[in-house]
C-alpha atoms as a PDB file:
ATOM      1  CA  UNK A   1      33.563   4.645   6.100  1.00  0.00           C
ATOM      2  CA  UNK A   2      34.347   6.287   2.733  1.00  0.00           C
ATOM      3  CA  UNK A   3      32.647   9.428   1.585  1.00  0.00           C
ATOM      4  CA  UNK A   4      30.670   9.268  -1.631  1.00  0.00           C
ATOM      5  CA  UNK A   5      32.946  11.822  -3.187  1.00  0.00           C
ATOM      6  CA  UNK A   6      36.043   9.788  -2.380  1.00  0.00           C
ATOM      7  CA  UNK A   7      34.463   6.749  -4.032  1.00  0.00           C
ATOM      8  CA  UNK A   8      33.622   8.864  -7.113  1.00  0.00           C
ATOM      9  CA  UNK A   9      37.246  10.037  -7.350  1.00  0.00           C
ATOM     10  CA  UNK A  10      38.500   6.432  -7.019  1.00  0.00           C
ATOM     11  CA  UNK A  11      36.215   5.404  -9.837  1.00  0.00           C
ATOM     12  CA  UNK A  12      37.431   8.391 -11.874  1.00  0.00           C
ATOM     13  CA  UNK A  13      41.022   7.207 -11.372  1.00  0.00           C
ATOM     14  CA  UNK A  14      40.171   3.891 -13.003  1.00  0.00           C
ATOM     15  CA  UNK A  15      39.222   5.515 -16.339  1.00  0.00           C
ATOM     16  CA  UNK A  16      41.795   5.181 -19.124  1.00  0.00           C
ATOM     17  CA  UNK A  17      42.762   8.760 -20.192  1.00  0.00           C
ATOM     18  CA  UNK A  18      44.078   7.756 -23.654  1.00  0.00           C
ATOM     19  CA  UNK A  19      40.840   8.269 -25.533  1.00  0.00           C
ATOM     20  CA  UNK A  20      40.516  11.814 -24.038  1.00  0.00           C
ATOM     21  CA  UNK A  21      43.999  12.715 -25.296  1.00  0.00           C
ATOM     22  CA  UNK A  22      43.012  11.533 -28.808  1.00  0.00           C
ATOM     23  CA  UNK A  23      39.748  13.427 -28.681  1.00  0.00           C
ATOM     24  CA  UNK A  24      41.464  16.599 -27.552  1.00  0.00           C
ATOM     25  CA  UNK A  25      43.358  16.614 -30.812  1.00  0.00           C
ATOM     26  CA  UNK A  26      40.240  17.587 -32.795  1.00  0.00           C
ATOM     27  CA  UNK A  27      39.537  20.934 -31.103  1.00  0.00           C
ATOM     28  CA  UNK A  28      43.265  21.729 -31.225  1.00  0.00           C
ATOM     29  CA  UNK A  29      43.399  21.058 -34.994  1.00  0.00           C
ATOM     30  CA  UNK A  30      40.235  23.195 -35.392  1.00  0.00           C
ATOM     31  CA  UNK A  31      42.009  25.994 -33.527  1.00  0.00           C
ATOM     32  CA  UNK A  32      45.039  25.704 -35.814  1.00  0.00           C
ATOM     33  CA  UNK A  33      42.799  25.788 -38.866  1.00  0.00           C
ATOM     34  CA  UNK A  34      41.000  28.886 -37.525  1.00  0.00           C
ATOM     35  CA  UNK A  35      44.241  30.645 -36.639  1.00  0.00           C
ATOM     36  CA  UNK A  36      45.586  29.981 -40.142  1.00  0.00           C
ATOM     37  CA  UNK A  37      42.486  31.613 -41.658  1.00  0.00           C
ATOM     38  CA  UNK A  38      42.738  34.771 -39.521  1.00  0.00           C
ATOM     39  CA  UNK A  39      45.021  37.287 -41.259  1.00  0.00           C
ATOM     40  CA  UNK A  40      45.679  39.198 -38.073  1.00  0.00           C
ATOM     41  CA  UNK A  41      46.944  36.086 -36.234  1.00  0.00           C
ATOM     42  CA  UNK A  42      50.765  36.324 -35.894  1.00  0.00           C
ATOM     43  CA  UNK A  43      52.431  33.839 -38.204  1.00  0.00           C
ATOM     44  CA  UNK A  44      55.270  33.151 -35.755  1.00  0.00           C
ATOM     45  CA  UNK A  45      52.796  32.412 -32.968  1.00  0.00           C
ATOM     46  CA  UNK A  46      50.938  30.070 -35.297  1.00  0.00           C
ATOM     47  CA  UNK A  47      54.231  28.277 -35.938  1.00  0.00           C
ATOM     48  CA  UNK A  48      54.625  27.919 -32.199  1.00  0.00           C
ATOM     49  CA  UNK A  49      51.224  26.396 -31.788  1.00  0.00           C
ATOM     50  CA  UNK A  50      52.034  24.028 -34.648  1.00  0.00           C
ATOM     51  CA  UNK A  51      55.288  23.097 -32.874  1.00  0.00           C
ATOM     52  CA  UNK A  52      53.119  21.934 -29.970  1.00  0.00           C
ATOM     53  CA  UNK A  53      52.011  19.095 -32.203  1.00  0.00           C
ATOM     54  CA  UNK A  54      55.659  18.207 -32.786  1.00  0.00           C
ATOM     55  CA  UNK A  55      56.089  18.180 -28.984  1.00  0.00           C
ATOM     56  CA  UNK A  56      53.190  15.698 -28.721  1.00  0.00           C
ATOM     57  CA  UNK A  57      54.728  13.479 -31.408  1.00  0.00           C
ATOM     58  CA  UNK A  58      58.169  13.597 -29.810  1.00  0.00           C
ATOM     59  CA  UNK A  59      56.685  12.833 -26.430  1.00  0.00           C
ATOM     60  CA  UNK A  60      54.835   9.772 -27.754  1.00  0.00           C
ATOM     61  CA  UNK A  61      58.001   8.440 -29.408  1.00  0.00           C
ATOM     62  CA  UNK A  62      60.050   9.124 -26.255  1.00  0.00           C
ATOM     63  CA  UNK A  63      57.441   7.320 -24.134  1.00  0.00           C
ATOM     64  CA  UNK A  64      57.574   4.277 -26.371  1.00  0.00           C
ATOM     65  CA  UNK A  65      61.358   4.218 -26.240  1.00  0.00           C
ATOM     66  CA  UNK A  66      61.361   4.651 -22.482  1.00  0.00           C
ATOM     67  CA  UNK A  67      58.950   1.689 -22.144  1.00  0.00           C
ATOM     68  CA  UNK A  68      60.652  -0.571 -24.697  1.00  0.00           C
ATOM     69  CA  UNK A  69      64.297   0.124 -23.897  1.00  0.00           C
ATOM     70  CA  UNK A  70      64.210   0.938 -20.167  1.00  0.00           C
ATOM     71  CA  UNK A  71      60.969  -0.749 -19.084  1.00  0.00           C
ATOM     72  CA  UNK A  72      59.942   2.462 -17.392  1.00  0.00           C
ATOM     73  CA  UNK A  73      57.502   5.313 -18.015  1.00  0.00           C
ATOM     74  CA  UNK A  74      58.784   8.469 -19.634  1.00  0.00           C
ATOM     75  CA  UNK A  75      58.805  10.514 -16.474  1.00  0.00           C
ATOM     76  CA  UNK A  76      61.330   8.115 -14.967  1.00  0.00           C
ATOM     77  CA  UNK A  77      63.900   8.395 -17.766  1.00  0.00           C
ATOM     78  CA  UNK A  78      65.291  11.899 -17.326  1.00  0.00           C
ATOM     79  CA  UNK A  79      67.223  12.292 -20.614  1.00  0.00           C
ATOM     80  CA  UNK A  80      64.211  11.282 -22.657  1.00  0.00           C
ATOM     81  CA  UNK A  81      61.761  13.248 -20.564  1.00  0.00           C
ATOM     82  CA  UNK A  82      63.956  16.363 -20.627  1.00  0.00           C
ATOM     83  CA  UNK A  83      64.431  16.055 -24.404  1.00  0.00           C
ATOM     84  CA  UNK A  84      60.693  15.817 -24.961  1.00  0.00           C
ATOM     85  CA  UNK A  85      60.001  18.742 -22.644  1.00  0.00           C
ATOM     86  CA  UNK A  86      62.567  20.826 -24.568  1.00  0.00           C
ATOM     87  CA  UNK A  87      60.162  20.760 -27.551  1.00  0.00           C
ATOM     88  CA  UNK A  88      57.412  22.152 -25.369  1.00  0.00           C
ATOM     89  CA  UNK A  89      59.758  24.934 -24.193  1.00  0.00           C
ATOM     90  CA  UNK A  90      60.657  25.647 -27.797  1.00  0.00           C
ATOM     91  CA  UNK A  91      57.029  25.849 -28.897  1.00  0.00           C
ATOM     92  CA  UNK A  92      56.109  28.099 -25.958  1.00  0.00           C
ATOM     93  CA  UNK A  93      59.018  30.374 -26.752  1.00  0.00           C
ATOM     94  CA  UNK A  94      57.964  30.667 -30.421  1.00  0.00           C
ATOM     95  CA  UNK A  95      54.384  31.448 -29.379  1.00  0.00           C
ATOM     96  CA  UNK A  96      55.634  34.074 -26.952  1.00  0.00           C
ATOM     97  CA  UNK A  97      57.858  35.705 -29.542  1.00  0.00           C
ATOM     98  CA  UNK A  98      55.057  35.584 -32.084  1.00  0.00           C
ATOM     99  CA  UNK A  99      52.801  37.678 -29.939  1.00  0.00           C
ATOM    100  CA  UNK A 100      55.568  39.800 -28.406  1.00  0.00           C
ATOM    101  CA  UNK A 101      57.029  40.897 -31.728  1.00  0.00           C
ATOM    102  CA  UNK A 102      53.719  42.269 -33.023  1.00  0.00           C
ATOM    103  CA  UNK A 103      54.085  45.749 -34.364  1.00  0.00           C
ATOM    104  CA  UNK A 104      52.958  48.443 -31.982  1.00  0.00           C
ATOM    105  CA  UNK A 105      49.729  50.153 -32.905  1.00  0.00           C
ATOM    106  CA  UNK A 106      50.175  53.404 -34.803  1.00  0.00           C
ATOM    107  CA  UNK A 107      49.732  56.492 -32.686  1.00  0.00           C
ATOM    108  CA  UNK A 108      46.312  58.027 -33.047  1.00  0.00           C
ATOM    109  CA  UNK A 109      45.933  61.502 -34.446  1.00  0.00           C
ATOM    110  CA  UNK A 110      43.590  63.779 -32.603  1.00  0.00           C
ATOM    111  CA  UNK A 111      42.124  63.323 -29.133  1.00  0.00           C
ATOM    112  CA  UNK A 112      42.047  59.919 -27.498  1.00  0.00           C
ATOM    113  CA  UNK A 113      38.569  58.728 -26.734  1.00  0.00           C
ATOM    114  CA  UNK A 114      37.692  59.533 -23.127  1.00  0.00           C
ATOM    115  CA  UNK A 115      40.506  62.036 -22.624  1.00  0.00           C
ATOM    116  CA  UNK A 116      38.189  64.914 -21.824  1.00  0.00           C
ATOM    117  CA  UNK A 117      37.761  68.099 -23.873  1.00  0.00           C
ATOM    118  CA  UNK A 118      38.909  68.094 -27.430  1.00  0.00           C
ATOM    119  CA  UNK A 119      42.338  69.591 -28.112  1.00  0.00           C
ATOM    120  CA  UNK A 120      42.398  72.995 -29.826  1.00  0.00           C
ATOM    121  CA  UNK A 121      45.164  73.814 -32.210  1.00  0.00           C
ATOM    122  CA  UNK A 122      46.389  77.324 -31.327  1.00  0.00           C
ATOM    123  CA  UNK A 123      48.408  77.993 -34.465  1.00  0.00           C
END
Protein backbone atom coordinates (compact mmCIF):
# COMPACT_ATOMS: atom_id res chain seq x y z
CA UNK A 1 0.00 0.00 0.00
CA UNK A 2 1.42 3.37 -0.97
CA UNK A 3 0.52 6.54 0.80
CA UNK A 4 -1.16 9.27 -1.23
CA UNK A 5 1.72 11.60 -0.44
CA UNK A 6 4.26 9.09 -1.76
CA UNK A 7 2.30 8.79 -5.01
CA UNK A 8 2.22 12.58 -5.28
CA UNK A 9 6.01 12.76 -4.87
CA UNK A 10 6.47 10.05 -7.49
CA UNK A 11 4.33 12.04 -9.90
CA UNK A 12 6.32 15.16 -9.05
CA UNK A 13 9.53 13.31 -9.93
CA UNK A 14 8.21 12.69 -13.43
CA UNK A 15 7.95 16.41 -14.22
CA UNK A 16 10.67 17.79 -16.49
CA UNK A 17 12.40 20.62 -14.55
CA UNK A 18 13.87 22.36 -17.65
CA UNK A 19 10.97 24.80 -18.15
CA UNK A 20 11.24 25.88 -14.50
CA UNK A 21 14.92 26.72 -14.96
CA UNK A 22 14.10 28.83 -18.00
CA UNK A 23 11.22 30.56 -16.19
CA UNK A 24 13.43 31.31 -13.19
CA UNK A 25 15.63 33.43 -15.44
CA UNK A 26 12.99 36.17 -15.73
CA UNK A 27 12.75 37.09 -12.03
CA UNK A 28 16.55 36.96 -11.80
CA UNK A 29 16.91 39.34 -14.75
CA UNK A 30 14.31 41.61 -13.12
CA UNK A 31 16.38 41.55 -9.92
CA UNK A 32 19.52 42.49 -11.87
CA UNK A 33 17.65 45.34 -13.57
CA UNK A 34 16.36 46.60 -10.21
CA UNK A 35 19.80 46.34 -8.56
CA UNK A 36 21.30 48.32 -11.42
CA UNK A 37 18.76 51.11 -10.89
CA UNK A 38 19.42 51.43 -7.15
CA UNK A 39 22.32 53.80 -6.58
CA UNK A 40 23.01 52.42 -3.11
CA UNK A 41 23.45 48.86 -4.42
CA UNK A 42 27.17 48.00 -4.31
CA UNK A 43 28.54 47.86 -7.85
CA UNK A 44 30.93 45.00 -7.05
CA UNK A 45 28.09 42.94 -5.60
CA UNK A 46 26.07 43.63 -8.75
CA UNK A 47 28.98 42.32 -10.83
CA UNK A 48 28.97 39.19 -8.68
CA UNK A 49 25.27 38.64 -9.30
CA UNK A 50 25.90 39.16 -13.01
CA UNK A 51 28.71 36.60 -12.86
CA UNK A 52 26.11 34.11 -11.66
CA UNK A 53 24.66 34.27 -15.17
CA UNK A 54 28.12 33.42 -16.51
CA UNK A 55 28.15 30.43 -14.15
CA UNK A 56 24.82 29.29 -15.63
CA UNK A 57 26.14 29.65 -19.19
CA UNK A 58 29.39 27.80 -18.37
CA UNK A 59 27.43 25.05 -16.64
CA UNK A 60 25.16 24.57 -19.67
CA UNK A 61 28.16 24.35 -22.01
CA UNK A 62 29.97 21.96 -19.65
CA UNK A 63 26.86 19.77 -19.41
CA UNK A 64 26.61 19.55 -23.19
CA UNK A 65 30.31 18.69 -23.47
CA UNK A 66 29.99 16.05 -20.75
CA UNK A 67 27.05 14.46 -22.56
CA UNK A 68 28.50 14.66 -26.08
CA UNK A 69 32.13 13.76 -25.34
CA UNK A 70 31.84 11.45 -22.33
CA UNK A 71 28.26 10.22 -22.64
CA UNK A 72 27.67 11.14 -18.99
CA UNK A 73 25.93 13.85 -17.03
CA UNK A 74 27.97 16.79 -15.79
CA UNK A 75 28.03 15.66 -12.17
CA UNK A 76 29.87 12.49 -13.26
CA UNK A 77 32.71 14.31 -15.07
CA UNK A 78 34.72 15.84 -12.24
CA UNK A 79 37.01 18.18 -14.22
CA UNK A 80 34.09 19.77 -16.06
CA UNK A 81 31.89 19.86 -12.99
CA UNK A 82 34.64 21.40 -10.87
CA UNK A 83 35.42 23.98 -13.53
CA UNK A 84 31.79 25.01 -13.78
CA UNK A 85 31.44 25.20 -9.99
CA UNK A 86 34.54 27.42 -9.86
CA UNK A 87 32.50 30.10 -11.63
CA UNK A 88 29.85 29.86 -8.92
CA UNK A 89 32.54 30.22 -6.26
CA UNK A 90 33.95 33.24 -8.09
CA UNK A 91 30.55 34.93 -8.35
CA UNK A 92 29.81 34.26 -4.68
CA UNK A 93 33.17 35.72 -3.69
CA UNK A 94 32.57 38.87 -5.73
CA UNK A 95 29.10 39.29 -4.17
CA UNK A 96 30.59 38.83 -0.70
CA UNK A 97 33.36 41.34 -1.34
CA UNK A 98 30.87 43.78 -2.83
CA UNK A 99 28.85 43.86 0.37
CA UNK A 100 31.79 43.45 2.72
CA UNK A 101 33.77 46.36 1.29
CA UNK A 102 30.93 48.84 1.78
CA UNK A 103 32.12 51.96 3.54
CA UNK A 104 31.30 52.06 7.23
CA UNK A 105 28.55 54.46 8.21
CA UNK A 106 29.84 57.82 9.42
CA UNK A 107 29.80 58.20 13.19
CA UNK A 108 26.79 60.12 14.39
CA UNK A 109 27.22 63.40 16.18
CA UNK A 110 25.18 63.88 19.29
CA UNK A 111 23.34 61.27 21.32
CA UNK A 112 22.43 57.98 19.78
CA UNK A 113 18.70 57.31 19.67
CA UNK A 114 17.62 55.27 22.67
CA UNK A 115 20.83 55.86 24.64
CA UNK A 116 19.08 57.49 27.57
CA UNK A 117 19.44 61.08 28.71
CA UNK A 118 20.96 63.58 26.30
CA UNK A 119 24.65 64.32 26.74
CA UNK A 120 25.53 67.71 28.20
CA UNK A 121 28.65 69.48 27.07
CA UNK A 122 30.44 70.74 30.23
CA UNK A 123 32.87 73.12 28.51
